[in-house]
């Protein structure tokens, strides 16, 4: 079975390829479905999301590709909606993500670089990385209400740089409490979590989001997962899918095979 790709970026936001190039790559790699999820316009200029004036063009192009390739692949019109994105309407599905933490009127990007994260923690949190994580997971706990998403995006992205520059002890009581609070709130919603291989393909991590300990906690809620690549180019459309499928199969965890299962 060839899993499909639903966390997909194109030149409309921070991807390297056109929508059609991504569709063609998905077909070549044997995907039965592809969902586009370019970054929705933000309430401030972050430099990598779609602009508001691009939204209608994005929708029209994805819709046209749905028709053009309907005999080869099923295409979904999605969006990656950030906590601070402008409202989204008219999409097949939404991925909800937190890319920024608002602290004292400043939007702090949580996935820019390890050095940037350390600077934010030192300057804005007095070096207390767990206060930083607590603020992040409070926002993540609220992501379904804010974005109306069906999929929770890269749940523990604050650990993106932890392998190469350890700053967070994921076994620290405050970190565990922050995670558990978010999971408790999200368990009350219908949204599912992605197993996201994007940080592996870009060389930041050797494992997917979320970490195995968090994955086990999510699985206890009975929710299925969706395997995604968070791809930004044609090479990584289904990156590491076989390995992630095997991991979930070995644990006996459920995962969706089609987006139709959740929308």
Protein backbone atom coordinates (compact mmCIF):
# COMPACT_ATOMS: atom_id res chain seq x y z
CA UNK A 1 0.00 0.00 0.00
CA UNK A 2 1.31 3.45 -0.94
CA UNK A 3 0.37 6.10 1.60
CA UNK A 4 -0.68 9.50 0.35
CA UNK A 5 0.67 12.95 1.10
CA UNK A 6 -1.48 15.58 2.84
CA UNK A 7 1.01 18.07 4.31
CA UNK A 8 2.30 19.60 1.10
CA UNK A 9 3.76 23.02 0.32
CA UNK A 10 4.33 24.71 -3.02
CA UNK A 11 5.67 27.99 -4.36
CA UNK A 12 2.50 29.63 -3.11
CA UNK A 13 4.17 29.69 0.32
CA UNK A 14 7.61 28.34 1.22
CA UNK A 15 7.81 25.35 -1.13
CA UNK A 16 10.27 25.03 -4.02
CA UNK A 17 7.97 23.58 -6.70
CA UNK A 18 4.70 24.39 -8.41
CA UNK A 19 1.45 22.70 -7.48
CA UNK A 20 1.45 20.72 -10.70
CA UNK A 21 5.03 19.54 -10.20
CA UNK A 22 4.05 18.26 -6.77
CA UNK A 23 1.04 16.44 -8.23
CA UNK A 24 3.20 14.79 -10.88
CA UNK A 25 5.74 13.71 -8.28
CA UNK A 26 2.99 12.20 -6.11
CA UNK A 27 1.71 10.22 -9.10
CA UNK A 28 5.22 9.00 -9.94
CA UNK A 29 5.71 7.87 -6.33
CA UNK A 30 2.48 5.88 -6.37
CA UNK A 31 0.34 8.09 -4.13
CA UNK A 32 -3.40 7.63 -4.57
CA UNK A 33 -4.15 11.06 -3.08
CA UNK A 34 -2.42 14.37 -2.45
CA UNK A 35 -3.58 17.24 -0.29
CA UNK A 36 -2.16 20.73 -0.59
CA UNK A 37 -1.64 22.69 2.63
CA UNK A 38 0.25 25.86 1.84
CA UNK A 39 0.64 28.31 4.70
CA UNK A 40 -2.38 30.57 5.12
CA UNK A 41 -1.84 34.34 5.18
CA UNK A 42 -0.74 35.58 8.60
CA UNK A 43 -2.03 38.58 10.53
CA UNK A 44 1.52 39.96 10.22
CA UNK A 45 4.16 39.58 7.49
CA UNK A 46 6.23 36.53 8.45
CA UNK A 47 7.97 36.29 5.06
CA UNK A 48 6.96 32.74 4.11
CA UNK A 49 3.18 32.42 4.11
CA UNK A 50 0.81 33.08 1.25
CA UNK A 51 -0.28 36.65 0.69
CA UNK A 52 -3.99 37.38 0.95
CA UNK A 53 -4.10 38.33 -2.72
CA UNK A 54 -2.80 34.85 -3.66
CA UNK A 55 -5.56 32.88 -1.96
CA UNK A 56 -8.10 32.85 -4.77
CA UNK A 57 -5.45 31.94 -7.34
CA UNK A 58 -4.31 29.08 -5.09
CA UNK A 59 -7.86 27.77 -4.76
CA UNK A 60 -8.54 28.02 -8.49
CA UNK A 61 -5.30 26.28 -9.47
CA UNK A 62 -5.81 23.37 -7.06
CA UNK A 63 -9.41 23.03 -8.28
CA UNK A 64 -8.23 22.97 -11.90
CA UNK A 65 -5.62 20.31 -11.08
CA UNK A 66 -8.31 18.20 -9.40
CA UNK A 67 -10.12 18.02 -12.72
CA UNK A 68 -7.03 17.65 -14.90
CA UNK A 69 -5.65 14.68 -12.94
CA UNK A 70 -8.89 13.11 -11.71
CA UNK A 71 -8.17 9.83 -13.50
CA UNK A 72 -4.70 9.53 -11.95
CA UNK A 73 -4.89 10.89 -8.40
CA UNK A 74 -7.37 12.42 -5.97
CA UNK A 75 -6.45 15.97 -5.02
CA UNK A 76 -7.64 17.89 -1.95
CA UNK A 77 -7.63 21.62 -1.38
CA UNK A 78 -6.23 22.20 2.09
CA UNK A 79 -4.46 24.89 4.06
CA UNK A 80 -2.01 25.00 6.96
CA UNK A 81 -3.65 27.40 9.35
CA UNK A 82 -1.44 28.96 11.98
CA UNK A 83 -2.64 30.18 15.37
CA UNK A 84 -2.03 33.68 13.98
CA UNK A 85 -3.36 33.18 10.44
CA UNK A 86 -6.26 35.12 8.98
CA UNK A 87 -9.59 33.17 8.97
CA UNK A 88 -9.82 30.33 6.42
CA UNK A 89 -12.91 29.32 4.46
CA UNK A 90 -13.67 27.08 1.52
CA UNK A 91 -11.10 24.30 2.08
CA UNK A 92 -11.48 20.52 2.10
CA UNK A 93 -9.40 20.29 5.29
CA UNK A 94 -7.18 22.31 7.59
CA UNK A 95 -3.90 21.50 9.35
CA UNK A 96 -3.60 23.54 12.54
CA UNK A 97 -0.11 24.60 13.62
CA UNK A 98 1.68 26.93 16.01
CA UNK A 99 4.74 28.53 14.41
CA UNK A 100 4.96 31.58 16.66
CA UNK A 101 4.66 32.30 20.37
CA UNK A 102 3.32 35.75 21.29
CA UNK A 103 5.34 37.15 24.18
CA UNK A 104 5.12 40.75 25.37
CA UNK A 105 3.83 41.91 21.99
CA UNK A 106 6.55 40.08 20.01
CA UNK A 107 5.92 37.12 17.72
CA UNK A 108 8.70 34.59 18.38
CA UNK A 109 9.16 31.93 15.65
CA UNK A 110 9.65 28.52 17.24
CA UNK A 111 11.29 26.77 14.27
CA UNK A 112 13.72 29.36 12.91
CA UNK A 113 16.99 28.02 14.33
CA UNK A 114 18.48 26.65 17.53
CA UNK A 115 20.40 29.88 18.12
CA UNK A 116 17.27 31.97 17.63
CA UNK A 117 15.33 29.80 20.06
CA UNK A 118 18.03 30.13 22.71
CA UNK A 119 18.08 33.90 22.22
CA UNK A 120 14.29 34.13 22.61
CA UNK A 121 14.34 31.96 25.75
CA UNK A 122 17.18 33.96 27.31
CA UNK A 123 15.80 37.39 26.39
CA UNK A 124 12.06 36.89 26.79
CA UNK A 125 11.88 34.12 29.41
CA UNK A 126 14.95 34.78 31.52
CA UNK A 127 16.45 31.49 30.36
CA UNK A 128 13.43 29.45 31.48
CA UNK A 129 12.91 27.12 28.53
CA UNK A 130 10.02 25.37 30.27
CA UNK A 131 8.07 28.63 30.54
CA UNK A 132 8.61 28.95 26.78
CA UNK A 133 7.31 25.40 26.28
CA UNK A 134 4.35 26.04 28.58
CA UNK A 135 3.29 29.03 26.50
CA UNK A 136 3.63 26.98 23.32
CA UNK A 137 1.55 24.05 24.58
CA UNK A 138 -1.16 26.37 25.94
CA UNK A 139 -1.57 27.65 22.39
CA UNK A 140 -1.42 24.14 20.94
CA UNK A 141 -4.14 23.06 23.38
CA UNK A 142 -6.38 25.69 21.78
CA UNK A 143 -5.40 25.11 18.14
CA UNK A 144 -8.57 23.27 17.10
CA UNK A 145 -10.85 25.99 18.45
CA UNK A 146 -8.78 28.72 16.81
CA UNK A 147 -8.20 27.11 13.40
CA UNK A 148 -11.09 24.60 13.09
CA UNK A 149 -8.49 22.05 11.96
CA UNK A 150 -8.99 18.34 11.33
CA UNK A 151 -5.25 17.61 11.70
CA UNK A 152 -2.93 18.85 14.46
CA UNK A 153 0.37 19.80 12.85
CA UNK A 154 3.85 18.84 14.19
CA UNK A 155 2.63 18.78 17.77
CA UNK A 156 6.05 18.99 19.50
CA UNK A 157 7.85 21.26 17.05
CA UNK A 158 9.51 23.08 19.97
CA UNK A 159 11.88 20.09 20.14
CA UNK A 160 12.95 20.54 16.50
CA UNK A 161 16.54 21.45 17.40
CA UNK A 162 16.87 19.32 20.52
CA UNK A 163 18.98 16.55 18.99
CA UNK A 164 21.76 18.85 17.84
CA UNK A 165 21.45 21.51 20.53
CA UNK A 166 19.72 20.03 23.58
CA UNK A 167 17.73 22.67 25.47
CA UNK A 168 14.65 20.75 26.60
CA UNK A 169 14.59 17.70 28.83
CA UNK A 170 11.43 15.99 27.58
CA UNK A 171 11.31 14.06 30.87
CA UNK A 172 11.27 17.23 32.98
CA UNK A 173 8.05 17.42 35.06
CA UNK A 174 7.14 20.86 33.74
CA UNK A 175 7.55 19.75 30.15
CA UNK A 176 5.50 16.61 30.76
CA UNK A 177 2.77 18.64 32.47
CA UNK A 178 2.66 21.09 29.55
CA UNK A 179 2.34 18.26 27.03
CA UNK A 180 -0.28 16.45 29.09
CA UNK A 181 -2.39 19.59 29.41
CA UNK A 182 -2.42 20.09 25.63
CA UNK A 183 -3.19 16.43 24.97
CA UNK A 184 -6.04 16.47 27.49
CA UNK A 185 -7.65 19.45 25.76
CA UNK A 186 -7.09 18.12 22.25
CA UNK A 187 -8.50 14.72 23.19
CA UNK A 188 -11.86 16.46 23.59
CA UNK A 189 -11.87 17.38 19.89
CA UNK A 190 -12.31 15.31 16.73
CA UNK A 191 -8.90 16.35 15.33
CA UNK A 192 -6.21 13.73 14.74
CA UNK A 193 -2.42 14.09 14.97
CA UNK A 194 0.10 13.80 12.18
CA UNK A 195 3.25 11.71 12.29
CA UNK A 196 5.40 14.26 10.49
CA UNK A 197 8.71 13.34 8.80
CA UNK A 198 9.60 16.86 7.67
CA UNK A 199 12.34 17.52 10.22
CA UNK A 200 14.05 14.26 9.23
CA UNK A 201 14.11 15.11 5.52
CA UNK A 202 15.53 18.56 6.29
CA UNK A 203 18.24 17.18 8.57
CA UNK A 204 17.10 18.57 11.92
CA UNK A 205 16.02 15.30 13.55
CA UNK A 206 16.47 11.58 13.14
CA UNK A 207 12.89 10.86 14.25
CA UNK A 208 9.47 12.15 13.31
CA UNK A 209 7.13 14.43 15.23
CA UNK A 210 5.87 13.57 17.80
CA UNK A 211 8.52 11.77 19.83
CA UNK A 212 7.77 8.14 20.70
CA UNK A 213 6.72 8.88 24.27
CA UNK A 214 4.17 11.44 23.10
CA UNK A 215 3.07 9.16 20.27
CA UNK A 216 2.22 6.49 22.83
CA UNK A 217 0.20 8.97 24.89
CA UNK A 218 -1.79 10.11 21.86
CA UNK A 219 -2.48 6.52 20.84
CA UNK A 220 -4.13 5.86 24.21
CA UNK A 221 -6.87 8.33 23.25
CA UNK A 222 -7.90 5.96 20.46
CA UNK A 223 -7.34 8.58 17.78
CA UNK A 224 -5.82 7.44 14.48
CA UNK A 225 -2.73 9.15 13.10
CA UNK A 226 -2.00 10.47 9.63
CA UNK A 227 1.51 10.03 8.21
CA UNK A 228 2.73 13.21 6.54
CA UNK A 229 5.97 14.43 5.00
CA UNK A 230 5.51 18.20 5.42
CA UNK A 231 7.10 18.28 1.99
CA UNK A 232 8.49 21.44 0.41
CA UNK A 233 9.86 19.86 -2.79
CA UNK A 234 9.19 17.04 -5.25
CA UNK A 235 11.85 14.76 -3.78
CA UNK A 236 10.22 14.40 -0.35
CA UNK A 237 6.53 13.95 -1.17
CA UNK A 238 6.36 10.58 0.63
CA UNK A 239 9.59 10.79 2.61
CA UNK A 240 10.10 7.94 5.13
CA UNK A 241 6.48 6.80 4.83
CA UNK A 242 7.38 3.09 4.71
CA UNK A 243 9.42 3.37 7.92
CA UNK A 244 6.69 5.30 9.75
CA UNK A 245 4.03 2.84 8.60
CA UNK A 246 6.13 -0.04 9.90
CA UNK A 247 6.60 1.72 13.26
CA UNK A 248 2.87 2.27 13.68
CA UNK A 249 2.07 -1.27 12.51
CA UNK A 250 4.49 -2.75 15.05
CA UNK A 251 2.83 -0.76 17.83
CA UNK A 252 -0.64 -1.63 16.59
CA UNK A 253 -1.56 2.04 16.20
CA UNK A 254 -4.25 3.12 13.76
CA UNK A 255 -3.61 5.52 10.89
CA UNK A 256 -5.78 6.76 8.08
CA UNK A 257 -5.34 5.57 4.50
CA UNK A 258 -7.50 8.28 2.90
CA UNK A 259 -8.42 11.80 3.87
CA UNK A 260 -12.04 10.82 3.31
CA UNK A 261 -11.87 9.08 6.69
CA UNK A 262 -11.73 12.39 8.57
CA UNK A 263 -13.41 15.05 6.40
